[in-house]
Amino acid sequence: MKHMAGYKDKKFKGKSFDAIKQMFDKAYKQVADFVPMDTESSRKKVDCSGEKAESSKKRTRAVLGEESVKKQKVEDDAEKVELKACLEIVPNDDSAVNIKSLATKYPIVDWKTHILAEDIIYYQIIRADGSTKDYKIFSAMLDDFDIQDVLDLYRLVKERFETTSPEGYDRLLWGDLITLFEPSKEDEIWKTQQDYTLISWKLYDSCGVHLLLMNTRCSYFFSTTLVEKKYPLT
């Protein structure tokens, strides 16, 4: 199709296998129907007005000879196989979808505390794209959060309680964040730590926060990644 019919690669882009096959069949038929100039039937079909032009074209084709035609057929057959293989792995344009990166994560823009019943309480985290997710405790958030998420939540909670004091369930979240971001040896949680026994500890890799769980069920949160201050750990 390149040498005999003059097609270029860009002619095939975006076309289906069947469309390309029709183009090939048309070009190949011209080669197959070629009749040498020295036959009687050929001489009768030549129009006198265009005899020189037609004769020149047919002589050019005759020069290529039978071997050239066979070689071209082999190359075209190989190209057909390659195109067919491509069609098996390239999806139809009609079914193609715009894929959004799964790594996209929108910042936290707000949070709410919901109390449905005495034992059904949770925090709702709201992101910039409008999506939300509910968590019962701060440590559950750390399973999903990265460093920026923790920083955003601390900023939002701190802004809300700049002029007021947290109450109820909000005191738990506020206390966890203060312990994490504003360590002070004067805090009661650090003063009494020698009375506790460590049960287990965990590192949340995504945000770099450590959790220490004591025998009194108290939780200590600290992070050398988020905070440059030294924690009064014994």
C-alpha atoms as a PDB file:
ATOM      1  CA  MET A   1       0.000   0.000   0.000  1.00  0.00           C
ATOM      2  CA  LYS A   2       2.972   2.305   0.544  1.00  0.00           C
ATOM      3  CA  HIS A   3       4.905   1.504  -2.636  1.00  0.00           C
ATOM      4  CA  MET A   4       2.076   0.659  -5.067  1.00  0.00           C
ATOM      5  CA  ALA A   5      -0.731   3.006  -3.923  1.00  0.00           C
ATOM      6  CA  GLY A   6       1.321   5.782  -2.285  1.00  0.00           C
ATOM      7  CA  TYR A   7      -0.265   5.589   1.192  1.00  0.00           C
ATOM      8  CA  LYS A   8       1.614   7.035   4.194  1.00  0.00           C
ATOM      9  CA  ASP A   9       1.531   5.861   7.826  1.00  0.00           C
ATOM     10  CA  LYS A  10      -0.738   8.690   8.955  1.00  0.00           C
ATOM     11  CA  LYS A  11      -3.444   7.441   6.575  1.00  0.00           C
ATOM     12  CA  PHE A  12      -3.903   4.386   8.793  1.00  0.00           C
ATOM     13  CA  LYS A  13      -4.136   6.160  12.155  1.00  0.00           C
ATOM     14  CA  GLY A  14      -7.553   5.981  13.779  1.00  0.00           C
ATOM     15  CA  LYS A  15      -8.914   3.530  11.202  1.00  0.00           C
ATOM     16  CA  SER A  16     -10.367   0.133  12.071  1.00  0.00           C
ATOM     17  CA  PHE A  17      -8.974  -3.111  10.715  1.00  0.00           C
ATOM     18  CA  ASP A  18     -11.920  -3.475   8.312  1.00  0.00           C
ATOM     19  CA  ALA A  19     -11.409   0.047   6.925  1.00  0.00           C
ATOM     20  CA  ILE A  20      -7.722  -0.605   6.321  1.00  0.00           C
ATOM     21  CA  LYS A  21      -8.547  -3.962   4.717  1.00  0.00           C
ATOM     22  CA  GLN A  22     -10.861  -2.210   2.233  1.00  0.00           C
ATOM     23  CA  MET A  23      -8.075   0.216   1.335  1.00  0.00           C
ATOM     24  CA  PHE A  24      -5.706  -2.723   0.889  1.00  0.00           C
ATOM     25  CA  ASP A  25      -8.156  -4.718  -1.262  1.00  0.00           C
ATOM     26  CA  LYS A  26      -8.695  -1.742  -3.553  1.00  0.00           C
ATOM     27  CA  ALA A  27      -4.958  -1.150  -4.007  1.00  0.00           C
ATOM     28  CA  TYR A  28      -4.201  -4.847  -4.429  1.00  0.00           C
ATOM     29  CA  LYS A  29      -7.003  -5.252  -6.999  1.00  0.00           C
ATOM     30  CA  GLN A  30      -5.332  -2.592  -9.166  1.00  0.00           C
ATOM     31  CA  VAL A  31      -2.149  -4.679  -9.134  1.00  0.00           C
ATOM     32  CA  ALA A  32      -3.989  -7.969  -9.730  1.00  0.00           C
ATOM     33  CA  ASP A  33      -5.995  -6.526 -12.645  1.00  0.00           C
ATOM     34  CA  PHE A  34      -2.886  -5.209 -14.396  1.00  0.00           C
ATOM     35  CA  VAL A  35      -2.682  -6.387 -18.003  1.00  0.00           C
ATOM     36  CA  PRO A  36       0.699  -6.052 -19.817  1.00  0.00           C
ATOM     37  CA  MET A  37       0.805  -3.653 -22.742  1.00  0.00           C
ATOM     38  CA  ASP A  38       1.851  -6.343 -25.240  1.00  0.00           C
ATOM     39  CA  THR A  39      -1.490  -8.215 -25.055  1.00  0.00           C
ATOM     40  CA  GLU A  40      -4.207  -7.745 -27.668  1.00  0.00           C
ATOM     41  CA  SER A  41      -6.931  -7.052 -25.151  1.00  0.00           C
ATOM     42  CA  SER A  42      -4.854  -4.336 -23.579  1.00  0.00           C
ATOM     43  CA  ARG A  43      -4.256  -2.580 -26.876  1.00  0.00           C
ATOM     44  CA  LYS A  44      -7.979  -2.512 -27.616  1.00  0.00           C
ATOM     45  CA  LYS A  45      -8.798  -0.854 -24.306  1.00  0.00           C
ATOM     46  CA  VAL A  46      -6.325   1.978 -24.705  1.00  0.00           C
ATOM     47  CA  ASP A  47      -7.993   5.273 -25.500  1.00  0.00           C
ATOM     48  CA  CYS A  48      -6.222   7.048 -28.307  1.00  0.00           C
ATOM     49  CA  SER A  49      -6.471  10.448 -26.644  1.00  0.00           C
ATOM     50  CA  GLY A  50      -4.698   9.236 -23.543  1.00  0.00           C
ATOM     51  CA  GLU A  51      -2.541   6.543 -25.082  1.00  0.00           C
ATOM     52  CA  LYS A  52       0.817   8.049 -24.115  1.00  0.00           C
ATOM     53  CA  ALA A  53      -0.131   8.714 -20.497  1.00  0.00           C
ATOM     54  CA  GLU A  54      -1.709   5.304 -19.969  1.00  0.00           C
ATOM     55  CA  SER A  55       1.163   3.537 -21.698  1.00  0.00           C
ATOM     56  CA  SER A  56       3.658   5.302 -19.441  1.00  0.00           C
ATOM     57  CA  LYS A  57       1.790   4.238 -16.303  1.00  0.00           C
ATOM     58  CA  LYS A  58       1.535   0.617 -17.346  1.00  0.00           C
ATOM     59  CA  ARG A  59       5.168   0.438 -18.382  1.00  0.00           C
ATOM     60  CA  THR A  60       6.114   1.726 -14.919  1.00  0.00           C
ATOM     61  CA  ARG A  61       4.052  -1.022 -13.297  1.00  0.00           C
ATOM     62  CA  ALA A  62       5.496  -3.641 -15.612  1.00  0.00           C
ATOM     63  CA  VAL A  63       9.016  -2.695 -14.533  1.00  0.00           C
ATOM     64  CA  LEU A  64       8.207  -3.649 -10.951  1.00  0.00           C
ATOM     65  CA  GLY A  65       7.502  -7.150 -12.192  1.00  0.00           C
ATOM     66  CA  GLU A  66       5.873 -10.111 -10.590  1.00  0.00           C
ATOM     67  CA  GLU A  67       8.492 -10.478  -7.820  1.00  0.00           C
ATOM     68  CA  SER A  68       7.795  -6.963  -6.555  1.00  0.00           C
ATOM     69  CA  VAL A  69       4.083  -7.719  -6.369  1.00  0.00           C
ATOM     70  CA  LYS A  70       4.688 -10.930  -4.413  1.00  0.00           C
ATOM     71  CA  LYS A  71       7.071  -9.153  -2.024  1.00  0.00           C
ATOM     72  CA  GLN A  72       4.536  -6.409  -1.422  1.00  0.00           C
ATOM     73  CA  LYS A  73       1.816  -8.983  -0.732  1.00  0.00           C
ATOM     74  CA  VAL A  74       3.982 -10.639   1.931  1.00  0.00           C
ATOM     75  CA  GLU A  75       4.667  -7.282   3.582  1.00  0.00           C
ATOM     76  CA  ASP A  76       0.983  -6.343   3.478  1.00  0.00           C
ATOM     77  CA  ASP A  77      -0.058  -9.691   4.967  1.00  0.00           C
ATOM     78  CA  ALA A  78       2.402  -9.163   7.813  1.00  0.00           C
ATOM     79  CA  GLU A  79       1.032  -5.663   8.381  1.00  0.00           C
ATOM     80  CA  LYS A  80      -2.525  -7.028   8.474  1.00  0.00           C
ATOM     81  CA  VAL A  81      -1.529  -9.501  11.189  1.00  0.00           C
ATOM     82  CA  GLU A  82       0.093  -6.701  13.192  1.00  0.00           C
ATOM     83  CA  LEU A  83      -2.946  -4.443  12.851  1.00  0.00           C
ATOM     84  CA  LYS A  84      -5.260  -7.245  13.915  1.00  0.00           C
ATOM     85  CA  ALA A  85      -3.152  -7.869  17.006  1.00  0.00           C
ATOM     86  CA  CYS A  86      -3.368  -4.180  17.882  1.00  0.00           C
ATOM     87  CA  LEU A  87      -7.148  -4.222  17.577  1.00  0.00           C
ATOM     88  CA  GLU A  88      -7.290  -6.988  20.171  1.00  0.00           C
ATOM     89  CA  ILE A  89      -5.654  -4.842  22.861  1.00  0.00           C
ATOM     90  CA  VAL A  90      -6.776  -1.283  21.970  1.00  0.00           C
ATOM     91  CA  PRO A  91     -10.267  -0.490  23.370  1.00  0.00           C
ATOM     92  CA  ASN A  92     -13.010   0.910  21.165  1.00  0.00           C
ATOM     93  CA  ASP A  93     -13.118   4.710  21.243  1.00  0.00           C
ATOM     94  CA  ASP A  94     -16.789   4.603  22.224  1.00  0.00           C
ATOM     95  CA  SER A  95     -15.999   2.741  25.428  1.00  0.00           C
ATOM     96  CA  ALA A  96     -12.930   4.786  26.377  1.00  0.00           C
ATOM     97  CA  VAL A  97     -13.146   6.776  29.622  1.00  0.00           C
ATOM     98  CA  ASN A  98     -11.219   9.638  31.116  1.00  0.00           C
ATOM     99  CA  ILE A  99      -9.159   8.131  33.895  1.00  0.00           C
ATOM    100  CA  LYS A 100      -8.517  10.341  36.919  1.00  0.00           C
ATOM    101  CA  SER A 101      -5.406   9.722  38.935  1.00  0.00           C
ATOM    102  CA  LEU A 102      -6.174   7.642  42.009  1.00  0.00           C
ATOM    103  CA  ALA A 103      -3.408   9.463  43.829  1.00  0.00           C
ATOM    104  CA  THR A 104      -5.380  12.747  43.834  1.00  0.00           C
ATOM    105  CA  LYS A 105      -6.167  13.705  47.416  1.00  0.00           C
ATOM    106  CA  TYR A 106      -8.014  16.913  48.246  1.00  0.00           C
ATOM    107  CA  PRO A 107      -7.184  18.937  51.375  1.00  0.00           C
ATOM    108  CA  ILE A 108      -9.372  18.922  54.476  1.00  0.00           C
ATOM    109  CA  VAL A 109     -11.510  22.080  54.652  1.00  0.00           C
ATOM    110  CA  ASP A 110     -13.836  21.387  57.603  1.00  0.00           C
ATOM    111  CA  TRP A 111     -14.842  18.923  60.314  1.00  0.00           C
ATOM    112  CA  LYS A 112     -17.992  18.281  62.329  1.00  0.00           C
ATOM    113  CA  THR A 113     -18.878  16.319  65.451  1.00  0.00           C
ATOM    114  CA  HIS A 114     -22.057  14.224  65.301  1.00  0.00           C
ATOM    115  CA  ILE A 115     -23.820  12.783  68.358  1.00  0.00           C
ATOM    116  CA  LEU A 116     -26.582  10.390  67.326  1.00  0.00           C
ATOM    117  CA  ALA A 117     -26.897   8.656  70.682  1.00  0.00           C
ATOM    118  CA  GLU A 118     -24.891   8.237  73.866  1.00  0.00           C
ATOM    119  CA  ASP A 119     -22.742   5.512  72.328  1.00  0.00           C
ATOM    120  CA  ILE A 120     -22.950   6.641  68.686  1.00  0.00           C
ATOM    121  CA  ILE A 121     -20.596   9.571  68.265  1.00  0.00           C
ATOM    122  CA  TYR A 122     -18.279  10.302  65.359  1.00  0.00           C
ATOM    123  CA  TYR A 123     -16.239  12.979  63.589  1.00  0.00           C
ATOM    124  CA  GLN A 124     -17.008  13.895  59.996  1.00  0.00           C
ATOM    125  CA  ILE A 125     -14.004  14.986  57.904  1.00  0.00           C
ATOM    126  CA  ILE A 126     -14.881  17.141  54.879  1.00  0.00           C
ATOM    127  CA  ARG A 127     -12.523  17.602  51.910  1.00  0.00           C
ATOM    128  CA  ALA A 128     -12.329  20.303  49.238  1.00  0.00           C
ATOM    129  CA  ASP A 129     -14.015  18.148  46.576  1.00  0.00           C
ATOM    130  CA  GLY A 130     -17.078  17.707  48.801  1.00  0.00           C
ATOM    131  CA  SER A 131     -16.288  14.127  49.829  1.00  0.00           C
ATOM    132  CA  THR A 132     -16.621  13.164  53.488  1.00  0.00           C
ATOM    133  CA  LYS A 133     -15.626  10.305  55.760  1.00  0.00           C
ATOM    134  CA  ASP A 134     -16.577   9.468  59.330  1.00  0.00           C
ATOM    135  CA  TYR A 135     -14.233   8.426  62.149  1.00  0.00           C
ATOM    136  CA  LYS A 136     -14.940   7.486  65.763  1.00  0.00           C
ATOM    137  CA  ILE A 137     -11.487   8.318  67.127  1.00  0.00           C
ATOM    138  CA  PHE A 138      -8.387  10.264  66.104  1.00  0.00           C
ATOM    139  CA  SER A 139      -6.217   7.162  65.699  1.00  0.00           C
ATOM    140  CA  ALA A 140      -8.634   5.843  63.046  1.00  0.00           C
ATOM    141  CA  MET A 141      -8.035   9.017  61.017  1.00  0.00           C
ATOM    142  CA  LEU A 142      -4.287   8.385  61.052  1.00  0.00           C
ATOM    143  CA  ASP A 143      -4.785   5.186  59.051  1.00  0.00           C
ATOM    144  CA  ASP A 144      -5.956   7.347  56.109  1.00  0.00           C
ATOM    145  CA  PHE A 145      -4.204  10.675  56.707  1.00  0.00           C
ATOM    146  CA  ASP A 146      -0.929  11.905  55.309  1.00  0.00           C
ATOM    147  CA  ILE A 147       1.206  14.641  56.901  1.00  0.00           C
ATOM    148  CA  GLN A 148      -0.731  17.480  55.250  1.00  0.00           C
ATOM    149  CA  ASP A 149      -4.066  16.041  56.413  1.00  0.00           C
ATOM    150  CA  VAL A 150      -2.930  16.067  60.042  1.00  0.00           C
ATOM    151  CA  LEU A 151      -1.625  19.630  59.703  1.00  0.00           C
ATOM    152  CA  ASP A 152      -4.881  20.786  58.093  1.00  0.00           C
ATOM    153  CA  LEU A 153      -7.028  19.228  60.819  1.00  0.00           C
ATOM    154  CA  TYR A 154      -4.893  20.726  63.602  1.00  0.00           C
ATOM    155  CA  ARG A 155      -5.161  24.190  62.018  1.00  0.00           C
ATOM    156  CA  LEU A 156      -8.954  23.944  61.630  1.00  0.00           C
ATOM    157  CA  VAL A 157      -9.555  22.663  65.165  1.00  0.00           C
ATOM    158  CA  LYS A 158      -7.241  25.284  66.653  1.00  0.00           C
ATOM    159  CA  GLU A 159      -8.990  28.093  64.750  1.00  0.00           C
ATOM    160  CA  ARG A 160     -12.405  26.958  66.030  1.00  0.00           C
ATOM    161  CA  PHE A 161     -11.321  26.952  69.663  1.00  0.00           C
ATOM    162  CA  GLU A 162      -9.258  30.144  69.666  1.00  0.00           C
ATOM    163  CA  THR A 163     -11.973  32.035  71.569  1.00  0.00           C
ATOM    164  CA  THR A 164     -14.006  29.167  73.022  1.00  0.00           C
ATOM    165  CA  SER A 165     -13.250  25.989  74.939  1.00  0.00           C
ATOM    166  CA  PRO A 166     -14.072  22.557  73.496  1.00  0.00           C
ATOM    167  CA  GLU A 167     -16.774  20.570  75.216  1.00  0.00           C
ATOM    168  CA  GLY A 168     -17.843  16.963  75.283  1.00  0.00           C
ATOM    169  CA  TYR A 169     -16.551  14.769  72.491  1.00  0.00           C
ATOM    170  CA  ASP A 170     -14.628  17.696  70.980  1.00  0.00           C
ATOM    171  CA  ARG A 171     -12.338  17.718  74.035  1.00  0.00           C
ATOM    172  CA  LEU A 172     -10.999  14.290  73.051  1.00  0.00           C
ATOM    173  CA  LEU A 173      -9.965  15.398  69.563  1.00  0.00           C
ATOM    174  CA  TRP A 174      -8.598  18.696  70.858  1.00  0.00           C
ATOM    175  CA  GLY A 175      -6.621  16.880  73.568  1.00  0.00           C
ATOM    176  CA  ASP A 176      -5.088  14.431  71.105  1.00  0.00           C
ATOM    177  CA  LEU A 177      -3.999  17.237  68.766  1.00  0.00           C
ATOM    178  CA  ILE A 178      -2.579  19.373  71.594  1.00  0.00           C
ATOM    179  CA  THR A 179      -0.602  16.375  72.888  1.00  0.00           C
ATOM    180  CA  LEU A 180       0.734  15.824  69.368  1.00  0.00           C
ATOM    181  CA  PHE A 181       1.548  19.401  68.327  1.00  0.00           C
ATOM    182  CA  GLU A 182       2.142  21.279  71.581  1.00  0.00           C
ATOM    183  CA  PRO A 183       4.054  18.988  73.934  1.00  0.00           C
ATOM    184  CA  SER A 184       4.752  20.472  77.363  1.00  0.00           C
ATOM    185  CA  LYS A 185       6.277  18.866  80.416  1.00  0.00           C
ATOM    186  CA  GLU A 186       3.685  20.723  82.490  1.00  0.00           C
ATOM    187  CA  ASP A 187       0.798  18.778  80.959  1.00  0.00           C
ATOM    188  CA  GLU A 188      -0.762  16.246  83.299  1.00  0.00           C
ATOM    189  CA  ILE A 189      -0.518  13.495  80.710  1.00  0.00           C
ATOM    190  CA  TRP A 190       3.290  13.778  80.708  1.00  0.00           C
ATOM    191  CA  LYS A 191       3.654  14.314  84.455  1.00  0.00           C
ATOM    192  CA  THR A 192       1.939  11.031  85.286  1.00  0.00           C
ATOM    193  CA  GLN A 193       3.452   8.905  82.551  1.00  0.00           C
ATOM    194  CA  GLN A 194       5.790   7.100  84.987  1.00  0.00           C
ATOM    195  CA  ASP A 195       2.727   5.576  86.647  1.00  0.00           C
ATOM    196  CA  TYR A 196       1.743   3.855  83.411  1.00  0.00           C
ATOM    197  CA  THR A 197       2.923   0.647  81.767  1.00  0.00           C
ATOM    198  CA  LEU A 198       3.364   0.542  78.000  1.00  0.00           C
ATOM    199  CA  ILE A 199       1.148  -2.085  76.371  1.00  0.00           C
ATOM    200  CA  SER A 200       1.851  -1.443  72.702  1.00  0.00           C
ATOM    201  CA  TRP A 201       3.012   1.169  70.221  1.00  0.00           C
ATOM    202  CA  LYS A 202       2.344   1.832  66.554  1.00  0.00           C
ATOM    203  CA  LEU A 203       3.798   4.027  63.809  1.00  0.00           C
ATOM    204  CA  TYR A 204       1.447   5.426  61.163  1.00  0.00           C
ATOM    205  CA  ASP A 205       3.814   5.509  58.189  1.00  0.00           C
ATOM    206  CA  SER A 206       1.647   7.737  55.987  1.00  0.00           C
ATOM    207  CA  CYS A 207       1.803  10.694  58.393  1.00  0.00           C
ATOM    208  CA  GLY A 208       4.758   9.865  60.674  1.00  0.00           C
ATOM    209  CA  VAL A 209       2.749   9.815  63.914  1.00  0.00           C
ATOM    210  CA  HIS A 210       3.523   7.416  66.769  1.00  0.00           C
ATOM    211  CA  LEU A 211       0.893   6.032  69.111  1.00  0.00           C
ATOM    212  CA  LEU A 212       1.731   4.715  72.594  1.00  0.00           C
ATOM    213  CA  LEU A 213      -1.013   2.771  74.360  1.00  0.00           C
ATOM    214  CA  MET A 214      -0.769   2.489  78.158  1.00  0.00           C
ATOM    215  CA  ASN A 215      -2.330   0.055  80.604  1.00  0.00           C
ATOM    216  CA  THR A 216      -4.832   2.721  81.693  1.00  0.00           C
ATOM    217  CA  ARG A 217      -6.078   2.855  78.076  1.00  0.00           C
ATOM    218  CA  CYS A 218      -4.553   6.318  77.728  1.00  0.00           C
ATOM    219  CA  SER A 219      -3.058   7.144  74.338  1.00  0.00           C
ATOM    220  CA  TYR A 220       0.028   9.240  73.672  1.00  0.00           C
ATOM    221  CA  PHE A 221       0.525  10.722  70.223  1.00  0.00           C
ATOM    222  CA  PHE A 222       3.862  12.169  69.154  1.00  0.00           C
ATOM    223  CA  SER A 223       5.729  12.848  65.920  1.00  0.00           C
ATOM    224  CA  THR A 224       9.285  13.932  65.220  1.00  0.00           C
ATOM    225  CA  THR A 225       8.225  14.585  61.630  1.00  0.00           C
ATOM    226  CA  LEU A 226       5.423  17.065  62.341  1.00  0.00           C
ATOM    227  CA  VAL A 227       6.869  18.751  65.437  1.00  0.00           C
ATOM    228  CA  GLU A 228      10.424  19.912  66.079  1.00  0.00           C
ATOM    229  CA  LYS A 229       9.907  20.165  69.853  1.00  0.00           C
ATOM    230  CA  LYS A 230      11.161  17.430  72.134  1.00  0.00           C
ATOM    231  CA  TYR A 231       8.536  15.327  73.836  1.00  0.00           C
ATOM    232  CA  PRO A 232       8.975  14.763  77.624  1.00  0.00           C
ATOM    233  CA  LEU A 233       9.049  10.996  77.253  1.00  0.00           C
ATOM    234  CA  THR A 234      10.687   8.994  80.043  1.00  0.00           C
END
